[in-house]
């Protein structure tokens, strides 16, 4: 599974993907993180695609190098993930 499959990135080892800024929306889902929760599991549950975990990470200002999140914090799950993916395709 490749999290870059939705981008219009060219095949070059020097290319970078520019991720959009994800603003809060009224219809975002808000969750209190519990022990064992992971971004990829949330993405699988809410988007039916675990590779979209980066959307949740970006929306919450979390580092993009880990599926794991600290417990006892609140995160938001953007519901407009299809629109977010479309912005990557340009």
C-alpha atoms as a PDB file:
ATOM      1  CA  UNK A   1       0.000   0.000   0.000  1.00  0.00           C
ATOM      2  CA  UNK A   2       1.376   3.332  -1.068  1.00  0.00           C
ATOM      3  CA  UNK A   3       0.188   6.537   0.564  1.00  0.00           C
ATOM      4  CA  UNK A   4       1.415   8.503  -2.470  1.00  0.00           C
ATOM      5  CA  UNK A   5      -0.856   6.751  -4.955  1.00  0.00           C
ATOM      6  CA  UNK A   6      -3.366   9.614  -4.838  1.00  0.00           C
ATOM      7  CA  UNK A   7      -0.820  12.270  -5.798  1.00  0.00           C
ATOM      8  CA  UNK A   8       0.279  13.389  -9.235  1.00  0.00           C
ATOM      9  CA  UNK A   9       3.897  12.893  -8.231  1.00  0.00           C
ATOM     10  CA  UNK A  10       6.319  11.966 -10.999  1.00  0.00           C
ATOM     11  CA  UNK A  11       8.579   8.952 -10.624  1.00  0.00           C
ATOM     12  CA  UNK A  12      11.684  10.615  -9.296  1.00  0.00           C
ATOM     13  CA  UNK A  13      13.546   9.941  -6.117  1.00  0.00           C
ATOM     14  CA  UNK A  14      13.924  13.708  -5.685  1.00  0.00           C
ATOM     15  CA  UNK A  15      10.232  14.617  -5.897  1.00  0.00           C
ATOM     16  CA  UNK A  16       8.355  15.766  -2.858  1.00  0.00           C
ATOM     17  CA  UNK A  17       4.660  15.752  -2.193  1.00  0.00           C
ATOM     18  CA  UNK A  18       3.084  19.007  -1.022  1.00  0.00           C
ATOM     19  CA  UNK A  19       0.291  18.198   1.390  1.00  0.00           C
ATOM     20  CA  UNK A  20      -2.614  20.617   1.707  1.00  0.00           C
ATOM     21  CA  UNK A  21      -3.392  22.471   4.897  1.00  0.00           C
ATOM     22  CA  UNK A  22      -6.431  20.797   6.444  1.00  0.00           C
ATOM     23  CA  UNK A  23      -8.660  23.316   8.156  1.00  0.00           C
ATOM     24  CA  UNK A  24     -11.106  22.306  10.924  1.00  0.00           C
ATOM     25  CA  UNK A  25     -14.714  21.861   9.855  1.00  0.00           C
ATOM     26  CA  UNK A  26     -17.972  21.610  11.767  1.00  0.00           C
ATOM     27  CA  UNK A  27     -18.565  18.058  10.506  1.00  0.00           C
ATOM     28  CA  UNK A  28     -15.174  16.668  11.618  1.00  0.00           C
ATOM     29  CA  UNK A  29     -15.348  13.706  13.983  1.00  0.00           C
ATOM     30  CA  UNK A  30     -13.698  14.338  17.364  1.00  0.00           C
ATOM     31  CA  UNK A  31     -12.243  11.383  19.273  1.00  0.00           C
ATOM     32  CA  UNK A  32     -10.512  11.034  22.621  1.00  0.00           C
ATOM     33  CA  UNK A  33      -7.513   8.782  22.059  1.00  0.00           C
ATOM     34  CA  UNK A  34      -7.265   5.612  24.118  1.00  0.00           C
ATOM     35  CA  UNK A  35      -4.387   3.216  24.628  1.00  0.00           C
ATOM     36  CA  UNK A  36      -3.780   1.177  21.480  1.00  0.00           C
ATOM     37  CA  UNK A  37      -5.387   3.646  19.073  1.00  0.00           C
ATOM     38  CA  UNK A  38      -3.425   4.232  15.873  1.00  0.00           C
ATOM     39  CA  UNK A  39      -3.851   6.589  12.958  1.00  0.00           C
ATOM     40  CA  UNK A  40      -3.965   3.799  10.383  1.00  0.00           C
ATOM     41  CA  UNK A  41      -6.731   2.043  12.323  1.00  0.00           C
ATOM     42  CA  UNK A  42      -8.783   5.254  12.426  1.00  0.00           C
ATOM     43  CA  UNK A  43      -8.235   5.763   8.699  1.00  0.00           C
ATOM     44  CA  UNK A  44      -9.356   2.198   8.017  1.00  0.00           C
ATOM     45  CA  UNK A  45     -12.436   2.668  10.174  1.00  0.00           C
ATOM     46  CA  UNK A  46     -13.533   6.081   8.876  1.00  0.00           C
ATOM     47  CA  UNK A  47     -12.132   6.090   5.321  1.00  0.00           C
ATOM     48  CA  UNK A  48     -12.004   2.332   4.557  1.00  0.00           C
ATOM     49  CA  UNK A  49      -8.355   2.862   3.588  1.00  0.00           C
ATOM     50  CA  UNK A  50      -5.632   2.603   6.223  1.00  0.00           C
ATOM     51  CA  UNK A  51      -3.097   4.326   3.943  1.00  0.00           C
ATOM     52  CA  UNK A  52      -4.955   7.605   4.437  1.00  0.00           C
ATOM     53  CA  UNK A  53      -3.663   7.883   8.016  1.00  0.00           C
ATOM     54  CA  UNK A  54      -1.573  10.875   6.929  1.00  0.00           C
ATOM     55  CA  UNK A  55      -4.764  12.961   6.517  1.00  0.00           C
ATOM     56  CA  UNK A  56      -5.534  12.533  10.215  1.00  0.00           C
ATOM     57  CA  UNK A  57      -1.893  13.231  11.146  1.00  0.00           C
ATOM     58  CA  UNK A  58      -1.794  16.399   9.033  1.00  0.00           C
ATOM     59  CA  UNK A  59      -5.166  17.631  10.345  1.00  0.00           C
ATOM     60  CA  UNK A  60      -3.925  17.316  13.925  1.00  0.00           C
ATOM     61  CA  UNK A  61      -0.390  18.626  13.457  1.00  0.00           C
ATOM     62  CA  UNK A  62       1.105  15.228  14.296  1.00  0.00           C
ATOM     63  CA  UNK A  63       4.466  14.023  12.969  1.00  0.00           C
ATOM     64  CA  UNK A  64       4.122  12.204   9.659  1.00  0.00           C
ATOM     65  CA  UNK A  65       6.426   9.378  10.624  1.00  0.00           C
ATOM     66  CA  UNK A  66       4.323   7.372  13.059  1.00  0.00           C
ATOM     67  CA  UNK A  67       0.948   5.661  13.229  1.00  0.00           C
ATOM     68  CA  UNK A  68       0.948   5.962  17.004  1.00  0.00           C
ATOM     69  CA  UNK A  69      -0.610   8.779  19.011  1.00  0.00           C
ATOM     70  CA  UNK A  70      -0.403   9.766  22.644  1.00  0.00           C
ATOM     71  CA  UNK A  71      -3.278   8.732  24.852  1.00  0.00           C
ATOM     72  CA  UNK A  72      -5.533  11.178  26.659  1.00  0.00           C
ATOM     73  CA  UNK A  73      -5.592  13.665  23.814  1.00  0.00           C
ATOM     74  CA  UNK A  74      -8.372  14.619  21.467  1.00  0.00           C
ATOM     75  CA  UNK A  75      -7.949  14.353  17.717  1.00  0.00           C
ATOM     76  CA  UNK A  76     -10.206  15.210  14.834  1.00  0.00           C
ATOM     77  CA  UNK A  77     -10.989  13.035  11.857  1.00  0.00           C
ATOM     78  CA  UNK A  78     -11.716  15.142   8.768  1.00  0.00           C
ATOM     79  CA  UNK A  79     -14.849  13.970   6.988  1.00  0.00           C
ATOM     80  CA  UNK A  80     -13.962  15.674   3.695  1.00  0.00           C
ATOM     81  CA  UNK A  81     -11.105  13.287   2.912  1.00  0.00           C
ATOM     82  CA  UNK A  82     -12.192  12.863  -0.709  1.00  0.00           C
ATOM     83  CA  UNK A  83     -11.849  16.617  -1.281  1.00  0.00           C
ATOM     84  CA  UNK A  84      -8.435  16.524   0.407  1.00  0.00           C
ATOM     85  CA  UNK A  85      -7.282  13.765  -1.946  1.00  0.00           C
ATOM     86  CA  UNK A  86      -8.580  15.715  -4.954  1.00  0.00           C
ATOM     87  CA  UNK A  87      -6.413  18.715  -3.994  1.00  0.00           C
ATOM     88  CA  UNK A  88      -3.338  16.484  -4.191  1.00  0.00           C
ATOM     89  CA  UNK A  89      -4.151  15.447  -7.734  1.00  0.00           C
ATOM     90  CA  UNK A  90      -4.287  19.086  -8.783  1.00  0.00           C
END
